Amino acid sequence: MGAWAKDGAVSEQIEASISDELARMQSQQKPVGESALKCGECEEDIPEARRLACPGVKLCIECQQERDE
């Protein structure tokens, strides 16, 4: 005996999967702890404004942009 899913069930599952993955990715990107004074990759100073805006930051803007690409 076959069973049919309700209308939109597949779309709901896809949307839920996408939402779960986005939440997982965003939680991994949030730095935690104390901000570094120097970039962990290039050793350049991380400006105080960036450290205050992004608590726990470990990379300068340039290195973070390269990593994000």
PDB file of N, CA and C in Angstrom:
ATOM      1  N   MET A   1       0.841  -1.161   0.000  1.00  0.00           N
ATOM      2  CA  MET A   1       0.000   0.000   0.000  1.00  0.00           C
ATOM      3  C   MET A   1       0.898   1.240   0.000  1.00  0.00           C
ATOM      4  N   GLY A   2       0.708   2.138  -0.955  1.00  0.00           N
ATOM      5  CA  GLY A   2       1.526   3.343  -1.068  1.00  0.00           C
ATOM      6  C   GLY A   2       0.985   4.468  -0.209  1.00  0.00           C
ATOM      7  N   ALA A   3       1.871   5.311   0.222  1.00  0.00           N
ATOM      8  CA  ALA A   3       1.475   6.471   1.021  1.00  0.00           C
ATOM      9  C   ALA A   3       1.908   7.727   0.282  1.00  0.00           C
ATOM     10  N   TRP A   4       1.076   8.723   0.351  1.00  0.00           N
ATOM     11  CA  TRP A   4       1.373   9.992  -0.300  1.00  0.00           C
ATOM     12  C   TRP A   4       1.692  11.047   0.753  1.00  0.00           C
ATOM     13  N   ALA A   5       2.674  11.849   0.470  1.00  0.00           N
ATOM     14  CA  ALA A   5       3.013  12.954   1.372  1.00  0.00           C
ATOM     15  C   ALA A   5       2.039  14.095   1.120  1.00  0.00           C
ATOM     16  N   LYS A   6       1.800  14.875   2.147  1.00  0.00           N
ATOM     17  CA  LYS A   6       0.894  16.013   1.997  1.00  0.00           C
ATOM     18  C   LYS A   6       1.494  17.013   1.021  1.00  0.00           C
ATOM     19  N   ASP A   7       0.665  17.861   0.446  1.00  0.00           N
ATOM     20  CA  ASP A   7       1.125  18.878  -0.493  1.00  0.00           C
ATOM     21  C   ASP A   7       2.180  19.760   0.164  1.00  0.00           C
ATOM     22  N   GLY A   8       3.278  19.959  -0.516  1.00  0.00           N
ATOM     23  CA  GLY A   8       4.332  20.826  -0.026  1.00  0.00           C
ATOM     24  C   GLY A   8       5.303  20.173   0.939  1.00  0.00           C
ATOM     25  N   ALA A   9       5.139  18.898   1.242  1.00  0.00           N
ATOM     26  CA  ALA A   9       6.010  18.238   2.218  1.00  0.00           C
ATOM     27  C   ALA A   9       7.462  18.219   1.753  1.00  0.00           C
ATOM     28  N   VAL A  10       7.681  17.998   0.468  1.00  0.00           N
ATOM     29  CA  VAL A  10       9.047  17.954  -0.052  1.00  0.00           C
ATOM     30  C   VAL A  10       9.679  19.342   0.052  1.00  0.00           C
ATOM     31  N   SER A  11       8.932  20.360  -0.311  1.00  0.00           N
ATOM     32  CA  SER A  11       9.442  21.735  -0.207  1.00  0.00           C
ATOM     33  C   SER A  11       9.757  22.098   1.234  1.00  0.00           C
ATOM     34  N   GLU A  12       8.892  21.698   2.151  1.00  0.00           N
ATOM     35  CA  GLU A  12       9.126  21.971   3.574  1.00  0.00           C
ATOM     36  C   GLU A  12      10.401  21.289   4.055  1.00  0.00           C
ATOM     37  N   GLN A  13      10.643  20.072   3.607  1.00  0.00           N
ATOM     38  CA  GLN A  13      11.843  19.342   4.013  1.00  0.00           C
ATOM     39  C   GLN A  13      13.099  20.002   3.457  1.00  0.00           C
ATOM     40  N   ILE A  14      13.026  20.436   2.209  1.00  0.00           N
ATOM     41  CA  ILE A  14      14.167  21.123   1.603  1.00  0.00           C
ATOM     42  C   ILE A  14      14.458  22.420   2.350  1.00  0.00           C
ATOM     43  N   GLU A  15      13.430  23.204   2.635  1.00  0.00           N
ATOM     44  CA  GLU A  15      13.604  24.458   3.365  1.00  0.00           C
ATOM     45  C   GLU A  15      14.179  24.208   4.757  1.00  0.00           C
ATOM     46  N   ALA A  16      13.716  23.181   5.428  1.00  0.00           N
ATOM     47  CA  ALA A  16      14.227  22.849   6.758  1.00  0.00           C
ATOM     48  C   ALA A  16      15.698  22.448   6.690  1.00  0.00           C
ATOM     49  N   SER A  17      16.059  21.680   5.676  1.00  0.00           N
ATOM     50  CA  SER A  17      17.456  21.262   5.512  1.00  0.00           C
ATOM     51  C   SER A  17      18.359  22.466   5.254  1.00  0.00           C
ATOM     52  N   ILE A  18      17.899  23.380   4.414  1.00  0.00           N
ATOM     53  CA  ILE A  18      18.676  24.581   4.120  1.00  0.00           C
ATOM     54  C   ILE A  18      18.821  25.439   5.368  1.00  0.00           C
ATOM     55  N   SER A  19      17.743  25.615   6.120  1.00  0.00           N
ATOM     56  CA  SER A  19      17.791  26.409   7.349  1.00  0.00           C
ATOM     57  C   SER A  19      18.750  25.795   8.363  1.00  0.00           C
ATOM     58  N   ASP A  20      18.702  24.481   8.500  1.00  0.00           N
ATOM     59  CA  ASP A  20      19.603  23.801   9.429  1.00  0.00           C
ATOM     60  C   ASP A  20      21.070  23.996   9.028  1.00  0.00           C
ATOM     61  N   GLU A  21      21.361  23.879   7.742  1.00  0.00           N
ATOM     62  CA  GLU A  21      22.732  24.025   7.266  1.00  0.00           C
ATOM     63  C   GLU A  21      23.218  25.462   7.443  1.00  0.00           C
ATOM     64  N   LEU A  22      22.364  26.438   7.143  1.00  0.00           N
ATOM     65  CA  LEU A  22      22.748  27.831   7.333  1.00  0.00           C
ATOM     66  C   LEU A  22      23.037  28.130   8.803  1.00  0.00           C
ATOM     67  N   ALA A  23      22.206  27.627   9.686  1.00  0.00           N
ATOM     68  CA  ALA A  23      22.421  27.827  11.120  1.00  0.00           C
ATOM     69  C   ALA A  23      23.735  27.192  11.561  1.00  0.00           C
ATOM     70  N   ARG A  24      24.042  26.009  11.047  1.00  0.00           N
ATOM     71  CA  ARG A  24      25.288  25.328  11.390  1.00  0.00           C
ATOM     72  C   ARG A  24      26.485  26.135  10.911  1.00  0.00           C
ATOM     73  N   MET A  25      26.422  26.641   9.690  1.00  0.00           N
ATOM     74  CA  MET A  25      27.526  27.413   9.130  1.00  0.00           C
ATOM     75  C   MET A  25      27.726  28.724   9.889  1.00  0.00           C
ATOM     76  N   GLN A  26      26.637  29.389  10.222  1.00  0.00           N
ATOM     77  CA  GLN A  26      26.741  30.650  10.944  1.00  0.00           C
ATOM     78  C   GLN A  26      27.303  30.452  12.336  1.00  0.00           C
ATOM     79  N   SER A  27      26.956  29.372  12.994  1.00  0.00           N
ATOM     80  CA  SER A  27      27.463  29.133  14.336  1.00  0.00           C
ATOM     81  C   SER A  27      28.956  28.842  14.310  1.00  0.00           C
ATOM     82  N   GLN A  28      29.460  28.284  13.227  1.00  0.00           N
ATOM     83  CA  GLN A  28      30.889  27.990  13.113  1.00  0.00           C
ATOM     84  C   GLN A  28      31.696  29.237  12.815  1.00  0.00           C
ATOM     85  N   GLN A  29      31.067  30.250  12.240  1.00  0.00           N
ATOM     86  CA  GLN A  29      31.798  31.446  11.844  1.00  0.00           C
ATOM     87  C   GLN A  29      31.930  32.464  12.962  1.00  0.00           C
ATOM     88  N   LYS A  30      31.182  32.338  14.007  1.00  0.00           N
ATOM     89  CA  LYS A  30      31.220  33.321  15.071  1.00  0.00           C
ATOM     90  C   LYS A  30      32.449  33.102  15.953  1.00  0.00           C
ATOM     91  N   PRO A  31      33.347  34.080  15.965  1.00  0.00           N
ATOM     92  CA  PRO A  31      34.506  33.949  16.841  1.00  0.00           C
ATOM     93  C   PRO A  31      34.077  33.985  18.307  1.00  0.00           C
ATOM     94  N   VAL A  32      34.817  33.339  19.138  1.00  0.00           N
ATOM     95  CA  VAL A  32      34.539  33.339  20.568  1.00  0.00           C
ATOM     96  C   VAL A  32      35.818  33.657  21.322  1.00  0.00           C
ATOM     97  N   GLY A  33      35.665  34.121  22.539  1.00  0.00           N
ATOM     98  CA  GLY A  33      36.821  34.418  23.368  1.00  0.00           C
ATOM     99  C   GLY A  33      37.353  35.809  23.126  1.00  0.00           C
ATOM    100  N   GLU A  34      38.574  36.013  23.545  1.00  0.00           N
ATOM    101  CA  GLU A  34      39.207  37.318  23.432  1.00  0.00           C
ATOM    102  C   GLU A  34      39.735  37.531  22.025  1.00  0.00           C
ATOM    103  N   SER A  35      39.582  38.744  21.521  1.00  0.00           N
ATOM    104  CA  SER A  35      40.103  39.069  20.195  1.00  0.00           C
ATOM    105  C   SER A  35      41.620  39.080  20.197  1.00  0.00           C
ATOM    106  N   ALA A  36      42.189  38.690  19.080  1.00  0.00           N
ATOM    107  CA  ALA A  36      43.642  38.737  18.925  1.00  0.00           C
ATOM    108  C   ALA A  36      44.076  40.165  18.604  1.00  0.00           C
ATOM    109  N   LEU A  37      45.260  40.534  19.021  1.00  0.00           N
ATOM    110  CA  LEU A  37      45.794  41.856  18.692  1.00  0.00           C
ATOM    111  C   LEU A  37      46.431  41.851  17.306  1.00  0.00           C
ATOM    112  N   LYS A  38      46.950  40.685  16.897  1.00  0.00           N
ATOM    113  CA  LYS A  38      47.572  40.530  15.581  1.00  0.00           C
ATOM    114  C   LYS A  38      46.854  39.419  14.817  1.00  0.00           C
ATOM    115  N   CYS A  39      46.796  39.574  13.503  1.00  0.00           N
ATOM    116  CA  CYS A  39      46.153  38.592  12.633  1.00  0.00           C
ATOM    117  C   CYS A  39      46.858  37.241  12.752  1.00  0.00           C
ATOM    118  N   GLY A  40      46.081  36.190  12.840  1.00  0.00           N
ATOM    119  CA  GLY A  40      46.622  34.844  12.954  1.00  0.00           C
ATOM    120  C   GLY A  40      47.273  34.335  11.687  1.00  0.00           C
ATOM    121  N   GLU A  41      47.103  35.036  10.566  1.00  0.00           N
ATOM    122  CA  GLU A  41      47.701  34.591   9.310  1.00  0.00           C
ATOM    123  C   GLU A  41      48.835  35.487   8.845  1.00  0.00           C
ATOM    124  N   CYS A  42      48.606  36.808   8.846  1.00  0.00           N
ATOM    125  CA  CYS A  42      49.623  37.712   8.287  1.00  0.00           C
ATOM    126  C   CYS A  42      50.391  38.489   9.351  1.00  0.00           C
ATOM    127  N   GLU A  43      49.997  38.363  10.612  1.00  0.00           N
ATOM    128  CA  GLU A  43      50.692  39.022  11.727  1.00  0.00           C
ATOM    129  C   GLU A  43      50.492  40.535  11.775  1.00  0.00           C
ATOM    130  N   GLU A  44      49.653  41.106  10.903  1.00  0.00           N
ATOM    131  CA  GLU A  44      49.368  42.539  10.953  1.00  0.00           C
ATOM    132  C   GLU A  44      48.492  42.834  12.166  1.00  0.00           C
ATOM    133  N   ASP A  45      48.577  44.079  12.674  1.00  0.00           N
ATOM    134  CA  ASP A  45      47.721  44.481  13.787  1.00  0.00           C
ATOM    135  C   ASP A  45      46.256  44.448  13.368  1.00  0.00           C
ATOM    136  N   ILE A  46      45.397  43.990  14.258  1.00  0.00           N
ATOM    137  CA  ILE A  46      43.953  44.040  14.037  1.00  0.00           C
ATOM    138  C   ILE A  46      43.472  45.328  14.702  1.00  0.00           C
ATOM    139  N   PRO A  47      42.864  46.249  13.926  1.00  0.00           N
ATOM    140  CA  PRO A  47      42.435  47.526  14.495  1.00  0.00           C
ATOM    141  C   PRO A  47      41.462  47.338  15.666  1.00  0.00           C
ATOM    142  N   GLU A  48      41.563  48.261  16.631  1.00  0.00           N
ATOM    143  CA  GLU A  48      40.707  48.185  17.812  1.00  0.00           C
ATOM    144  C   GLU A  48      39.229  48.202  17.439  1.00  0.00           C
ATOM    145  N   ALA A  49      38.861  48.989  16.439  1.00  0.00           N
ATOM    146  CA  ALA A  49      37.452  49.059  16.025  1.00  0.00           C
ATOM    147  C   ALA A  49      36.948  47.685  15.586  1.00  0.00           C
ATOM    148  N   ARG A  50      37.776  46.940  14.876  1.00  0.00           N
ATOM    149  CA  ARG A  50      37.374  45.588  14.444  1.00  0.00           C
ATOM    150  C   ARG A  50      37.261  44.660  15.644  1.00  0.00           C
ATOM    151  N   ARG A  51      38.209  44.750  16.560  1.00  0.00           N
ATOM    152  CA  ARG A  51      38.167  43.894  17.750  1.00  0.00           C
ATOM    153  C   ARG A  51      36.918  44.169  18.587  1.00  0.00           C
ATOM    154  N   LEU A  52      36.520  45.433  18.657  1.00  0.00           N
ATOM    155  CA  LEU A  52      35.313  45.781  19.422  1.00  0.00           C
ATOM    156  C   LEU A  52      34.038  45.362  18.692  1.00  0.00           C
ATOM    157  N   ALA A  53      34.044  45.502  17.362  1.00  0.00           N
ATOM    158  CA  ALA A  53      32.862  45.164  16.573  1.00  0.00           C
ATOM    159  C   ALA A  53      32.648  43.656  16.468  1.00  0.00           C
ATOM    160  N   CYS A  54      33.736  42.890  16.484  1.00  0.00           N
ATOM    161  CA  CYS A  54      33.673  41.436  16.331  1.00  0.00           C
ATOM    162  C   CYS A  54      34.426  40.760  17.474  1.00  0.00           C
ATOM    163  N   PRO A  55      33.839  40.686  18.658  1.00  0.00           N
ATOM    164  CA  PRO A  55      34.553  40.052  19.776  1.00  0.00           C
ATOM    165  C   PRO A  55      35.018  38.645  19.413  1.00  0.00           C
ATOM    166  N   GLY A  56      36.258  38.359  19.734  1.00  0.00           N
ATOM    167  CA  GLY A  56      36.819  37.045  19.450  1.00  0.00           C
ATOM    168  C   GLY A  56      37.474  36.930  18.095  1.00  0.00           C
ATOM    169  N   VAL A  57      37.552  38.033  17.361  1.00  0.00           N
ATOM    170  CA  VAL A  57      38.124  37.996  16.012  1.00  0.00           C
ATOM    171  C   VAL A  57      39.598  37.606  16.069  1.00  0.00           C
ATOM    172  N   LYS A  58      40.036  36.816  15.107  1.00  0.00           N
ATOM    173  CA  LYS A  58      41.420  36.327  15.067  1.00  0.00           C
ATOM    174  C   LYS A  58      42.148  36.715  13.789  1.00  0.00           C
ATOM    175  N   LEU A  59      41.402  37.237  12.789  1.00  0.00           N
ATOM    176  CA  LEU A  59      41.995  37.583  11.504  1.00  0.00           C
ATOM    177  C   LEU A  59      41.707  39.037  11.154  1.00  0.00           C
ATOM    178  N   CYS A  60      42.634  39.671  10.402  1.00  0.00           N
ATOM    179  CA  CYS A  60      42.383  41.011   9.897  1.00  0.00           C
ATOM    180  C   CYS A  60      41.312  40.917   8.797  1.00  0.00           C
ATOM    181  N   ILE A  61      40.814  42.063   8.391  1.00  0.00           N
ATOM    182  CA  ILE A  61      39.740  42.082   7.386  1.00  0.00           C
ATOM    183  C   ILE A  61      40.185  41.428   6.084  1.00  0.00           C
ATOM    184  N   GLU A  62      41.391  41.742   5.628  1.00  0.00           N
ATOM    185  CA  GLU A  62      41.867  41.201   4.351  1.00  0.00           C
ATOM    186  C   GLU A  62      41.969  39.685   4.384  1.00  0.00           C
ATOM    187  N   CYS A  63      42.561  39.155   5.444  1.00  0.00           N
ATOM    188  CA  CYS A  63      42.712  37.699   5.544  1.00  0.00           C
ATOM    189  C   CYS A  63      41.356  37.019   5.698  1.00  0.00           C
ATOM    190  N   GLN A  64      40.435  37.646   6.429  1.00  0.00           N
ATOM    191  CA  GLN A  64      39.101  37.079   6.578  1.00  0.00           C
ATOM    192  C   GLN A  64      38.377  37.038   5.249  1.00  0.00           C
ATOM    193  N   GLN A  65      38.508  38.114   4.453  1.00  0.00           N
ATOM    194  CA  GLN A  65      37.870  38.155   3.137  1.00  0.00           C
ATOM    195  C   GLN A  65      38.440  37.071   2.237  1.00  0.00           C
ATOM    196  N   GLU A  66      39.743  36.876   2.258  1.00  0.00           N
ATOM    197  CA  GLU A  66      40.368  35.823   1.440  1.00  0.00           C
ATOM    198  C   GLU A  66      39.854  34.451   1.860  1.00  0.00           C
ATOM    199  N   ARG A  67      39.762  34.225   3.158  1.00  0.00           N
ATOM    200  CA  ARG A  67      39.280  32.936   3.660  1.00  0.00           C
ATOM    201  C   ARG A  67      37.817  32.708   3.266  1.00  0.00           C
ATOM    202  N   ASP A  68      37.001  33.781   3.317  1.00  0.00           N
ATOM    203  CA  ASP A  68      35.580  33.646   2.987  1.00  0.00           C
ATOM    204  C   ASP A  68      35.367  33.319   1.516  1.00  0.00           C
ATOM    205  N   GLU A  69      36.281  33.784   0.661  1.00  0.00           N
ATOM    206  CA  GLU A  69      36.143  33.502  -0.778  1.00  0.00           C
ATOM    207  C   GLU A  69      36.459  32.060  -1.020  1.00  0.00           C
TER     208      GLU A  69
END
